[in-house]
Amino acid sequence: MPTFTALTTLMGKKPGEALGEAMERLVPEPTGIGVFEVEDGSGLWEVGGYFTESPDETALALLAAAMGAKPFVISELPETDWVAHVRRELAPVEAGQFFVYGSHDADKVPEVCEPLLIEAAMAFGTGHHGTTLGCLRAVDRLDTEGFVGHNVADIGCGTAVLGMAAARIWPNPVLVSDIDQVAVDVAMVNIAANDLVGRVIAVEAAGFDHPDLLAAAPYDLVFANILKGPLVALAPDMAKHLAPEGYAILSGILNEQADEVIAVYAHNGINLVHREEIVEWTTLTLRKKP
């Protein structure tokens, strides 16, 4: 069955949401609609719809004009077995001592490594993205320098790969959380697949807003691989829940956004220790003042 996409951009969250709602009334109707902020500081929002029939180009043109959006770009997507495609394209990733792989590459796992199994169908957070890779390198660097994480949390965990990495190398259980229950369910599947049930505990939460996360604070290490906006908003809570001299590993930050994030965290008493750029993404390692 063919799939069609219709994509546009416009300024502002409310206009973007209004356009998304208006697209729900199209005939043929879209099977799915997404409204996302373009994370480049421009203020633009992307609005897109997916269709199983060719969409009404005239209706889309009228909607775009009425809402002040750019003309929709309409494309027909080829039929693709995406899981098979991901399996072909995503080779195992090495980040220091960590080896991230799918089950189809189980025969490639080195004898000496900390293996992390993430299935191809759960590709976001496998280590191929510069943000996840940067975080894995950062925790490997801390471990190599002699740091031991006794109380670790991952805020916005996705596949839970970062929490699992910490649980592989350090002795105590790790708490991971995500705002999306679907992501929490994915995390739990991965935790079980890596024989880390009881060593990594996944909860649904926004930031630190969960009884388990609050009870376990203060943390000596917190991962937050999310986006610049949520990271900036999280800074005061991060300062509150990090132990003195505790580390924060932050990513999901475009290179040009890094200085702003560093400044906000420094204002909250959490200062830069190390930064790494991987393509367009920056990973920051910061430490709270004693």
C-alpha atoms as a PDB file:
ATOM      1  CA  MET A   1       0.000   0.000   0.000  1.00  0.00           C
ATOM      2  CA  PRO A   2       1.501   3.392  -0.966  1.00  0.00           C
ATOM      3  CA  THR A   3       2.090   6.057   1.646  1.00  0.00           C
ATOM      4  CA  PHE A   4       1.992   9.789   0.947  1.00  0.00           C
ATOM      5  CA  THR A   5       3.364  12.594   3.094  1.00  0.00           C
ATOM      6  CA  ALA A   6       2.437  16.276   3.119  1.00  0.00           C
ATOM      7  CA  LEU A   7       4.856  18.548   5.006  1.00  0.00           C
ATOM      8  CA  THR A   8       5.011  22.273   5.690  1.00  0.00           C
ATOM      9  CA  THR A   9       6.420  24.754   8.211  1.00  0.00           C
ATOM     10  CA  LEU A  10       5.084  27.890   9.858  1.00  0.00           C
ATOM     11  CA  MET A  11       5.918  30.175  12.737  1.00  0.00           C
ATOM     12  CA  GLY A  12       4.636  29.443  16.224  1.00  0.00           C
ATOM     13  CA  LYS A  13       3.264  26.566  18.267  1.00  0.00           C
ATOM     14  CA  LYS A  14      -0.404  27.630  18.323  1.00  0.00           C
ATOM     15  CA  PRO A  15      -0.643  28.136  14.529  1.00  0.00           C
ATOM     16  CA  GLY A  16       1.107  24.794  14.055  1.00  0.00           C
ATOM     17  CA  GLU A  17      -1.347  23.004  16.335  1.00  0.00           C
ATOM     18  CA  ALA A  18      -4.290  24.744  14.648  1.00  0.00           C
ATOM     19  CA  LEU A  19      -3.078  23.613  11.238  1.00  0.00           C
ATOM     20  CA  GLY A  20      -2.654  20.057  12.515  1.00  0.00           C
ATOM     21  CA  GLU A  21      -6.230  20.078  13.824  1.00  0.00           C
ATOM     22  CA  ALA A  22      -7.533  21.446  10.518  1.00  0.00           C
ATOM     23  CA  MET A  23      -5.778  18.647   8.616  1.00  0.00           C
ATOM     24  CA  GLU A  24      -7.853  16.097  10.554  1.00  0.00           C
ATOM     25  CA  ARG A  25     -10.914  17.228   8.579  1.00  0.00           C
ATOM     26  CA  LEU A  26      -9.366  16.605   5.152  1.00  0.00           C
ATOM     27  CA  VAL A  27     -10.830  14.101   2.700  1.00  0.00           C
ATOM     28  CA  PRO A  28      -9.140  11.707   2.224  1.00  0.00           C
ATOM     29  CA  GLU A  29      -8.191  11.974   5.873  1.00  0.00           C
ATOM     30  CA  PRO A  30      -4.616  11.456   7.010  1.00  0.00           C
ATOM     31  CA  THR A  31      -3.748   8.323   8.962  1.00  0.00           C
ATOM     32  CA  GLY A  32      -1.466  10.353  11.200  1.00  0.00           C
ATOM     33  CA  ILE A  33      -0.513  13.983  11.862  1.00  0.00           C
ATOM     34  CA  GLY A  34       2.607  15.341  13.532  1.00  0.00           C
ATOM     35  CA  VAL A  35       3.313  18.845  14.847  1.00  0.00           C
ATOM     36  CA  PHE A  36       6.923  19.378  15.927  1.00  0.00           C
ATOM     37  CA  GLU A  37       9.138  22.329  16.822  1.00  0.00           C
ATOM     38  CA  VAL A  38      12.157  22.708  14.552  1.00  0.00           C
ATOM     39  CA  GLU A  39      14.957  22.625  17.135  1.00  0.00           C
ATOM     40  CA  ASP A  40      17.194  25.237  15.556  1.00  0.00           C
ATOM     41  CA  GLY A  41      16.081  28.302  17.484  1.00  0.00           C
ATOM     42  CA  SER A  42      14.132  29.684  14.503  1.00  0.00           C
ATOM     43  CA  GLY A  43      10.677  29.428  16.067  1.00  0.00           C
ATOM     44  CA  LEU A  44       9.454  27.354  13.131  1.00  0.00           C
ATOM     45  CA  TRP A  45       7.122  24.387  13.581  1.00  0.00           C
ATOM     46  CA  GLU A  46       6.814  21.490  11.150  1.00  0.00           C
ATOM     47  CA  VAL A  47       3.375  20.070  10.423  1.00  0.00           C
ATOM     48  CA  GLY A  48       3.024  16.829   8.520  1.00  0.00           C
ATOM     49  CA  GLY A  49       0.393  14.313   7.563  1.00  0.00           C
ATOM     50  CA  TYR A  50       0.573  10.696   6.382  1.00  0.00           C
ATOM     51  CA  PHE A  51      -1.958   9.399   3.867  1.00  0.00           C
ATOM     52  CA  THR A  52      -2.759   5.998   2.350  1.00  0.00           C
ATOM     53  CA  GLU A  53      -4.436   7.768  -0.591  1.00  0.00           C
ATOM     54  CA  SER A  54      -3.099  10.685  -2.599  1.00  0.00           C
ATOM     55  CA  PRO A  55      -4.036  13.801  -0.587  1.00  0.00           C
ATOM     56  CA  ASP A  56      -6.161  16.645  -1.925  1.00  0.00           C
ATOM     57  CA  GLU A  57      -3.502  19.111  -3.102  1.00  0.00           C
ATOM     58  CA  THR A  58      -6.004  21.945  -3.562  1.00  0.00           C
ATOM     59  CA  ALA A  59      -7.336  21.585  -0.023  1.00  0.00           C
ATOM     60  CA  LEU A  60      -3.796  21.498   1.369  1.00  0.00           C
ATOM     61  CA  ALA A  61      -2.858  24.614  -0.611  1.00  0.00           C
ATOM     62  CA  LEU A  62      -5.887  26.462   0.773  1.00  0.00           C
ATOM     63  CA  LEU A  63      -5.060  25.368   4.333  1.00  0.00           C
ATOM     64  CA  ALA A  64      -1.465  26.513   4.012  1.00  0.00           C
ATOM     65  CA  ALA A  65      -2.521  29.900   2.635  1.00  0.00           C
ATOM     66  CA  ALA A  66      -5.160  30.387   5.339  1.00  0.00           C
ATOM     67  CA  MET A  67      -2.728  29.542   8.147  1.00  0.00           C
ATOM     68  CA  GLY A  68       0.261  31.478   6.806  1.00  0.00           C
ATOM     69  CA  ALA A  69       2.280  28.317   6.221  1.00  0.00           C
ATOM     70  CA  LYS A  70       4.631  27.499   3.381  1.00  0.00           C
ATOM     71  CA  PRO A  71       3.079  25.433   0.557  1.00  0.00           C
ATOM     72  CA  PHE A  72       2.860  21.742   1.428  1.00  0.00           C
ATOM     73  CA  VAL A  73       5.474  19.457  -0.078  1.00  0.00           C
ATOM     74  CA  ILE A  74       3.710  16.235  -1.087  1.00  0.00           C
ATOM     75  CA  SER A  75       5.687  13.042  -1.615  1.00  0.00           C
ATOM     76  CA  GLU A  76       4.928   9.394  -2.252  1.00  0.00           C
ATOM     77  CA  LEU A  77       7.076   7.097  -0.131  1.00  0.00           C
ATOM     78  CA  PRO A  78       8.341   3.787  -1.500  1.00  0.00           C
ATOM     79  CA  GLU A  79       7.110   0.643   0.197  1.00  0.00           C
ATOM     80  CA  THR A  80       9.896  -0.381   2.563  1.00  0.00           C
ATOM     81  CA  ASP A  81      10.389  -3.032   5.208  1.00  0.00           C
ATOM     82  CA  TRP A  82      11.831  -0.551   7.669  1.00  0.00           C
ATOM     83  CA  VAL A  83      13.033  -3.071  10.239  1.00  0.00           C
ATOM     84  CA  ALA A  84      14.921  -4.976   7.540  1.00  0.00           C
ATOM     85  CA  HIS A  85      16.277  -1.674   6.236  1.00  0.00           C
ATOM     86  CA  VAL A  86      17.486  -0.648   9.697  1.00  0.00           C
ATOM     87  CA  ARG A  87      19.104  -4.028  10.204  1.00  0.00           C
ATOM     88  CA  ARG A  88      21.084  -3.561   7.008  1.00  0.00           C
ATOM     89  CA  GLU A  89      22.042   0.034   7.693  1.00  0.00           C
ATOM     90  CA  LEU A  90      22.755   0.052  11.440  1.00  0.00           C
ATOM     91  CA  ALA A  91      26.047  -1.664  12.093  1.00  0.00           C
ATOM     92  CA  PRO A  92      27.130  -2.250  15.704  1.00  0.00           C
ATOM     93  CA  VAL A  93      28.481   0.807  17.526  1.00  0.00           C
ATOM     94  CA  GLU A  94      31.531   0.893  19.779  1.00  0.00           C
ATOM     95  CA  ALA A  95      31.823   3.668  22.365  1.00  0.00           C
ATOM     96  CA  GLY A  96      34.784   2.981  24.605  1.00  0.00           C
ATOM     97  CA  GLN A  97      34.026  -0.249  26.449  1.00  0.00           C
ATOM     98  CA  PHE A  98      30.399  -0.336  25.256  1.00  0.00           C
ATOM     99  CA  PHE A  99      29.239  -2.330  22.233  1.00  0.00           C
ATOM    100  CA  VAL A 100      25.687  -1.560  21.060  1.00  0.00           C
ATOM    101  CA  TYR A 101      24.195  -4.097  18.675  1.00  0.00           C
ATOM    102  CA  GLY A 102      21.026  -5.737  17.382  1.00  0.00           C
ATOM    103  CA  SER A 103      20.322  -9.449  17.731  1.00  0.00           C
ATOM    104  CA  HIS A 104      21.108  -9.892  14.016  1.00  0.00           C
ATOM    105  CA  ASP A 105      24.714  -8.929  14.894  1.00  0.00           C
ATOM    106  CA  ALA A 106      25.044 -11.101  17.995  1.00  0.00           C
ATOM    107  CA  ASP A 107      27.895 -13.016  16.367  1.00  0.00           C
ATOM    108  CA  LYS A 108      29.952  -9.812  16.187  1.00  0.00           C
ATOM    109  CA  VAL A 109      30.027  -9.057  19.928  1.00  0.00           C
ATOM    110  CA  PRO A 110      33.679  -8.945  21.094  1.00  0.00           C
ATOM    111  CA  GLU A 111      34.774 -11.163  23.971  1.00  0.00           C
ATOM    112  CA  VAL A 112      35.909  -8.146  25.987  1.00  0.00           C
ATOM    113  CA  CYS A 113      33.273  -5.406  26.072  1.00  0.00           C
ATOM    114  CA  GLU A 114      30.122  -4.276  27.844  1.00  0.00           C
ATOM    115  CA  PRO A 115      27.394  -5.447  25.424  1.00  0.00           C
ATOM    116  CA  LEU A 116      24.118  -3.546  25.057  1.00  0.00           C
ATOM    117  CA  LEU A 117      21.410  -5.196  22.943  1.00  0.00           C
ATOM    118  CA  ILE A 118      18.964  -2.796  21.256  1.00  0.00           C
ATOM    119  CA  GLU A 119      16.709  -4.216  18.563  1.00  0.00           C
ATOM    120  CA  ALA A 120      16.551  -2.578  15.132  1.00  0.00           C
ATOM    121  CA  ALA A 121      12.840  -1.870  15.510  1.00  0.00           C
ATOM    122  CA  MET A 122      13.743   0.416  18.422  1.00  0.00           C
ATOM    123  CA  ALA A 123      16.334   2.413  16.491  1.00  0.00           C
ATOM    124  CA  PHE A 124      16.184   5.736  18.327  1.00  0.00           C
ATOM    125  CA  GLY A 125      18.744   5.500  21.096  1.00  0.00           C
ATOM    126  CA  THR A 126      20.823   2.695  19.615  1.00  0.00           C
ATOM    127  CA  GLY A 127      24.059   4.668  19.783  1.00  0.00           C
ATOM    128  CA  HIS A 128      24.147   5.597  16.090  1.00  0.00           C
ATOM    129  CA  HIS A 129      22.784   9.072  16.750  1.00  0.00           C
ATOM    130  CA  GLY A 130      25.462  11.592  17.763  1.00  0.00           C
ATOM    131  CA  THR A 131      23.665  12.429  21.000  1.00  0.00           C
ATOM    132  CA  THR A 132      23.514   8.855  22.314  1.00  0.00           C
ATOM    133  CA  LEU A 133      27.034   8.095  21.117  1.00  0.00           C
ATOM    134  CA  GLY A 134      28.317  11.222  22.856  1.00  0.00           C
ATOM    135  CA  CYS A 135      26.667  10.221  26.139  1.00  0.00           C
ATOM    136  CA  LEU A 136      28.123   6.707  25.970  1.00  0.00           C
ATOM    137  CA  ARG A 137      31.569   8.146  25.361  1.00  0.00           C
ATOM    138  CA  ALA A 138      31.100  10.558  28.261  1.00  0.00           C
ATOM    139  CA  VAL A 139      30.183   7.858  30.770  1.00  0.00           C
ATOM    140  CA  ASP A 140      33.036   5.682  29.512  1.00  0.00           C
ATOM    141  CA  ARG A 141      35.386   8.635  30.053  1.00  0.00           C
ATOM    142  CA  LEU A 142      34.182   9.149  33.632  1.00  0.00           C
ATOM    143  CA  ASP A 143      34.590   5.445  34.374  1.00  0.00           C
ATOM    144  CA  THR A 144      38.100   5.442  32.910  1.00  0.00           C
ATOM    145  CA  GLU A 145      38.982   8.409  35.147  1.00  0.00           C
ATOM    146  CA  GLY A 146      37.950   6.394  38.206  1.00  0.00           C
ATOM    147  CA  PHE A 147      34.471   7.754  38.869  1.00  0.00           C
ATOM    148  CA  VAL A 148      31.947   5.213  40.206  1.00  0.00           C
ATOM    149  CA  GLY A 149      28.255   6.011  39.906  1.00  0.00           C
ATOM    150  CA  HIS A 150      26.539   4.795  43.063  1.00  0.00           C
ATOM    151  CA  ASN A 151      23.269   6.651  42.455  1.00  0.00           C
ATOM    152  CA  VAL A 152      22.452   7.216  38.773  1.00  0.00           C
ATOM    153  CA  ALA A 153      19.334   8.398  36.930  1.00  0.00           C
ATOM    154  CA  ASP A 154      18.499   8.893  33.248  1.00  0.00           C
ATOM    155  CA  ILE A 155      15.830  11.541  32.577  1.00  0.00           C
ATOM    156  CA  GLY A 156      14.210  11.025  29.166  1.00  0.00           C
ATOM    157  CA  CYS A 157      15.629   7.546  28.733  1.00  0.00           C
ATOM    158  CA  GLY A 158      14.210   6.430  25.356  1.00  0.00           C
ATOM    159  CA  THR A 159      15.517   2.893  24.851  1.00  0.00           C
ATOM    160  CA  ALA A 160      17.257   2.992  28.290  1.00  0.00           C
ATOM    161  CA  VAL A 161      20.632   2.387  26.657  1.00  0.00           C
ATOM    162  CA  LEU A 162      22.380   4.951  28.884  1.00  0.00           C
ATOM    163  CA  GLY A 163      20.925   3.596  32.103  1.00  0.00           C
ATOM    164  CA  MET A 164      21.837   0.085  31.030  1.00  0.00           C
ATOM    165  CA  ALA A 165      25.389   1.202  30.275  1.00  0.00           C
ATOM    166  CA  ALA A 166      25.706   2.578  33.807  1.00  0.00           C
ATOM    167  CA  ALA A 167      24.259  -0.621  35.275  1.00  0.00           C
ATOM    168  CA  ARG A 168      26.762  -2.712  33.317  1.00  0.00           C
ATOM    169  CA  ILE A 169      29.796  -1.043  34.886  1.00  0.00           C
ATOM    170  CA  TRP A 170      28.688   0.136  38.342  1.00  0.00           C
ATOM    171  CA  PRO A 171      27.239  -1.787  41.293  1.00  0.00           C
ATOM    172  CA  ASN A 172      23.931  -0.145  42.216  1.00  0.00           C
ATOM    173  CA  PRO A 173      20.523  -0.098  40.478  1.00  0.00           C
ATOM    174  CA  VAL A 174      19.831   2.745  38.034  1.00  0.00           C
ATOM    175  CA  LEU A 175      16.565   4.672  37.692  1.00  0.00           C
ATOM    176  CA  VAL A 176      15.431   5.644  34.191  1.00  0.00           C
ATOM    177  CA  SER A 177      12.377   7.659  33.222  1.00  0.00           C
ATOM    178  CA  ASP A 178      10.542   8.993  30.211  1.00  0.00           C
ATOM    179  CA  ILE A 179       7.552  11.276  29.796  1.00  0.00           C
ATOM    180  CA  ASP A 180       6.080   8.831  27.242  1.00  0.00           C
ATOM    181  CA  GLN A 181       4.667   5.497  28.473  1.00  0.00           C
ATOM    182  CA  VAL A 182       5.457   3.923  25.091  1.00  0.00           C
ATOM    183  CA  ALA A 183       9.129   4.775  25.629  1.00  0.00           C
ATOM    184  CA  VAL A 184       8.959   3.316  29.137  1.00  0.00           C
ATOM    185  CA  ASP A 185       7.516   0.097  27.705  1.00  0.00           C
ATOM    186  CA  VAL A 186      10.339  -0.029  25.132  1.00  0.00           C
ATOM    187  CA  ALA A 187      12.863   0.555  27.905  1.00  0.00           C
ATOM    188  CA  MET A 188      11.438  -2.344  29.915  1.00  0.00           C
ATOM    189  CA  VAL A 189      11.690  -4.667  26.908  1.00  0.00           C
ATOM    190  CA  ASN A 190      15.335  -3.710  26.432  1.00  0.00           C
ATOM    191  CA  ILE A 191      16.088  -4.051  30.135  1.00  0.00           C
ATOM    192  CA  ALA A 192      14.731  -7.597  30.083  1.00  0.00           C
ATOM    193  CA  ALA A 193      16.590  -8.462  26.869  1.00  0.00           C
ATOM    194  CA  ASN A 194      19.846  -7.408  28.539  1.00  0.00           C
ATOM    195  CA  ASP A 195      19.174  -9.384  31.752  1.00  0.00           C
ATOM    196  CA  LEU A 196      19.071  -6.173  33.766  1.00  0.00           C
ATOM    197  CA  VAL A 197      15.653  -6.529  35.412  1.00  0.00           C
ATOM    198  CA  GLY A 198      16.016  -5.181  38.938  1.00  0.00           C
ATOM    199  CA  ARG A 199      19.259  -3.436  38.013  1.00  0.00           C
ATOM    200  CA  VAL A 200      17.537  -0.804  35.834  1.00  0.00           C
ATOM    201  CA  ILE A 201      14.115   0.447  36.946  1.00  0.00           C
ATOM    202  CA  ALA A 202      11.953   2.362  34.448  1.00  0.00           C
ATOM    203  CA  VAL A 203       9.188   4.807  35.431  1.00  0.00           C
ATOM    204  CA  GLU A 204       6.956   7.272  33.593  1.00  0.00           C
ATOM    205  CA  ALA A 205       7.738  10.819  34.702  1.00  0.00           C
ATOM    206  CA  ALA A 206       8.276  14.386  33.546  1.00  0.00           C
ATOM    207  CA  GLY A 207      11.690  15.413  34.782  1.00  0.00           C
ATOM    208  CA  PHE A 208      12.219  14.284  38.375  1.00  0.00           C
ATOM    209  CA  ASP A 209       8.477  14.317  39.119  1.00  0.00           C
ATOM    210  CA  HIS A 210       8.029  10.759  40.373  1.00  0.00           C
ATOM    211  CA  PRO A 211       8.071   9.409  43.965  1.00  0.00           C
ATOM    212  CA  ASP A 212      10.859   6.931  43.177  1.00  0.00           C
ATOM    213  CA  LEU A 213      13.062   9.589  41.568  1.00  0.00           C
ATOM    214  CA  LEU A 214      12.488  12.052  44.398  1.00  0.00           C
ATOM    215  CA  ALA A 215      13.144   9.436  47.076  1.00  0.00           C
ATOM    216  CA  ALA A 216      16.446   8.341  45.517  1.00  0.00           C
ATOM    217  CA  ALA A 217      17.924  11.860  45.241  1.00  0.00           C
ATOM    218  CA  PRO A 218      20.527  13.293  45.456  1.00  0.00           C
ATOM    219  CA  TYR A 219      22.272  11.663  42.485  1.00  0.00           C
ATOM    220  CA  ASP A 220      25.970  11.503  41.757  1.00  0.00           C
ATOM    221  CA  LEU A 221      25.233  11.197  38.007  1.00  0.00           C
ATOM    222  CA  VAL A 222      22.216  12.184  35.906  1.00  0.00           C
ATOM    223  CA  PHE A 223      21.872  11.656  32.160  1.00  0.00           C
ATOM    224  CA  ALA A 224      19.508  13.916  30.218  1.00  0.00           C
ATOM    225  CA  ASN A 225      19.626  13.291  26.470  1.00  0.00           C
ATOM    226  CA  ILE A 226      16.575  15.291  25.426  1.00  0.00           C
ATOM    227  CA  LEU A 227      16.467  18.710  23.664  1.00  0.00           C
ATOM    228  CA  LYS A 228      17.742  22.197  24.440  1.00  0.00           C
ATOM    229  CA  GLY A 229      14.405  23.630  25.589  1.00  0.00           C
ATOM    230  CA  PRO A 230      13.626  20.883  28.127  1.00  0.00           C
ATOM    231  CA  LEU A 231      17.272  20.861  29.278  1.00  0.00           C
ATOM    232  CA  VAL A 232      17.159  24.581  30.041  1.00  0.00           C
ATOM    233  CA  ALA A 233      13.865  24.153  31.893  1.00  0.00           C
ATOM    234  CA  LEU A 234      15.336  21.214  33.828  1.00  0.00           C
ATOM    235  CA  ALA A 235      18.388  23.128  35.125  1.00  0.00           C
ATOM    236  CA  PRO A 236      16.967  24.279  38.522  1.00  0.00           C
ATOM    237  CA  ASP A 237      15.639  20.783  39.287  1.00  0.00           C
ATOM    238  CA  MET A 238      18.931  19.270  38.161  1.00  0.00           C
ATOM    239  CA  ALA A 239      20.763  21.509  40.630  1.00  0.00           C
ATOM    240  CA  LYS A 240      18.318  20.506  43.351  1.00  0.00           C
ATOM    241  CA  HIS A 241      18.637  16.754  42.786  1.00  0.00           C
ATOM    242  CA  LEU A 242      22.358  16.453  42.014  1.00  0.00           C
ATOM    243  CA  ALA A 243      24.655  15.736  44.948  1.00  0.00           C
ATOM    244  CA  PRO A 244      27.549  18.151  45.572  1.00  0.00           C
ATOM    245  CA  GLU A 245      30.273  17.298  43.020  1.00  0.00           C
ATOM    246  CA  GLY A 246      27.729  15.155  41.141  1.00  0.00           C
ATOM    247  CA  TYR A 247      27.917  14.951  37.356  1.00  0.00           C
ATOM    248  CA  ALA A 248      25.339  15.685  34.664  1.00  0.00           C
ATOM    249  CA  ILE A 249      25.754  14.347  31.128  1.00  0.00           C
ATOM    250  CA  LEU A 250      23.552  16.341  28.769  1.00  0.00           C
ATOM    251  CA  SER A 251      22.856  15.971  25.061  1.00  0.00           C
ATOM    252  CA  GLY A 252      20.220  16.546  22.415  1.00  0.00           C
ATOM    253  CA  ILE A 253      21.934  19.916  21.924  1.00  0.00           C
ATOM    254  CA  LEU A 254      22.782  21.379  18.537  1.00  0.00           C
ATOM    255  CA  ASN A 255      26.354  22.699  18.439  1.00  0.00           C
ATOM    256  CA  GLU A 256      25.209  26.315  18.215  1.00  0.00           C
ATOM    257  CA  GLN A 257      22.954  25.847  21.272  1.00  0.00           C
ATOM    258  CA  ALA A 258      25.668  24.489  23.570  1.00  0.00           C
ATOM    259  CA  ASP A 259      26.954  27.802  24.949  1.00  0.00           C
ATOM    260  CA  GLU A 260      23.467  28.808  26.068  1.00  0.00           C
ATOM    261  CA  VAL A 261      22.938  25.493  27.873  1.00  0.00           C
ATOM    262  CA  ILE A 262      26.365  25.782  29.523  1.00  0.00           C
ATOM    263  CA  ALA A 263      25.540  29.300  30.736  1.00  0.00           C
ATOM    264  CA  VAL A 264      22.169  28.300  32.187  1.00  0.00           C
ATOM    265  CA  TYR A 265      23.666  25.359  34.081  1.00  0.00           C
ATOM    266  CA  ALA A 266      26.599  27.458  35.329  1.00  0.00           C
ATOM    267  CA  HIS A 267      24.064  29.940  36.692  1.00  0.00           C
ATOM    268  CA  ASN A 268      22.603  26.993  38.639  1.00  0.00           C
ATOM    269  CA  GLY A 269      25.995  25.957  40.018  1.00  0.00           C
ATOM    270  CA  ILE A 270      26.698  23.122  37.547  1.00  0.00           C
ATOM    271  CA  ASN A 271      29.832  23.843  35.539  1.00  0.00           C
ATOM    272  CA  LEU A 272      31.341  22.485  32.337  1.00  0.00           C
ATOM    273  CA  VAL A 273      33.945  19.729  32.610  1.00  0.00           C
ATOM    274  CA  HIS A 274      34.019  18.412  29.041  1.00  0.00           C
ATOM    275  CA  ARG A 275      32.244  18.970  25.725  1.00  0.00           C
ATOM    276  CA  GLU A 276      32.278  16.874  22.574  1.00  0.00           C
ATOM    277  CA  GLU A 277      30.830  17.607  19.151  1.00  0.00           C
ATOM    278  CA  ILE A 278      29.710  14.726  16.919  1.00  0.00           C
ATOM    279  CA  VAL A 279      28.574  16.087  13.560  1.00  0.00           C
ATOM    280  CA  GLU A 280      25.920  18.721  14.473  1.00  0.00           C
ATOM    281  CA  TRP A 281      25.334  17.536  18.066  1.00  0.00           C
ATOM    282  CA  THR A 282      27.111  18.459  21.311  1.00  0.00           C
ATOM    283  CA  THR A 283      27.357  16.368  24.473  1.00  0.00           C
ATOM    284  CA  LEU A 284      28.218  18.156  27.721  1.00  0.00           C
ATOM    285  CA  THR A 285      29.676  16.730  30.911  1.00  0.00           C
ATOM    286  CA  LEU A 286      29.120  19.103  33.834  1.00  0.00           C
ATOM    287  CA  ARG A 287      29.771  18.942  37.571  1.00  0.00           C
ATOM    288  CA  LYS A 288      27.946  20.553  40.461  1.00  0.00           C
ATOM    289  CA  LYS A 289      29.922  22.769  42.802  1.00  0.00           C
ATOM    290  CA  PRO A 290      30.838  21.214  46.190  1.00  0.00           C
END
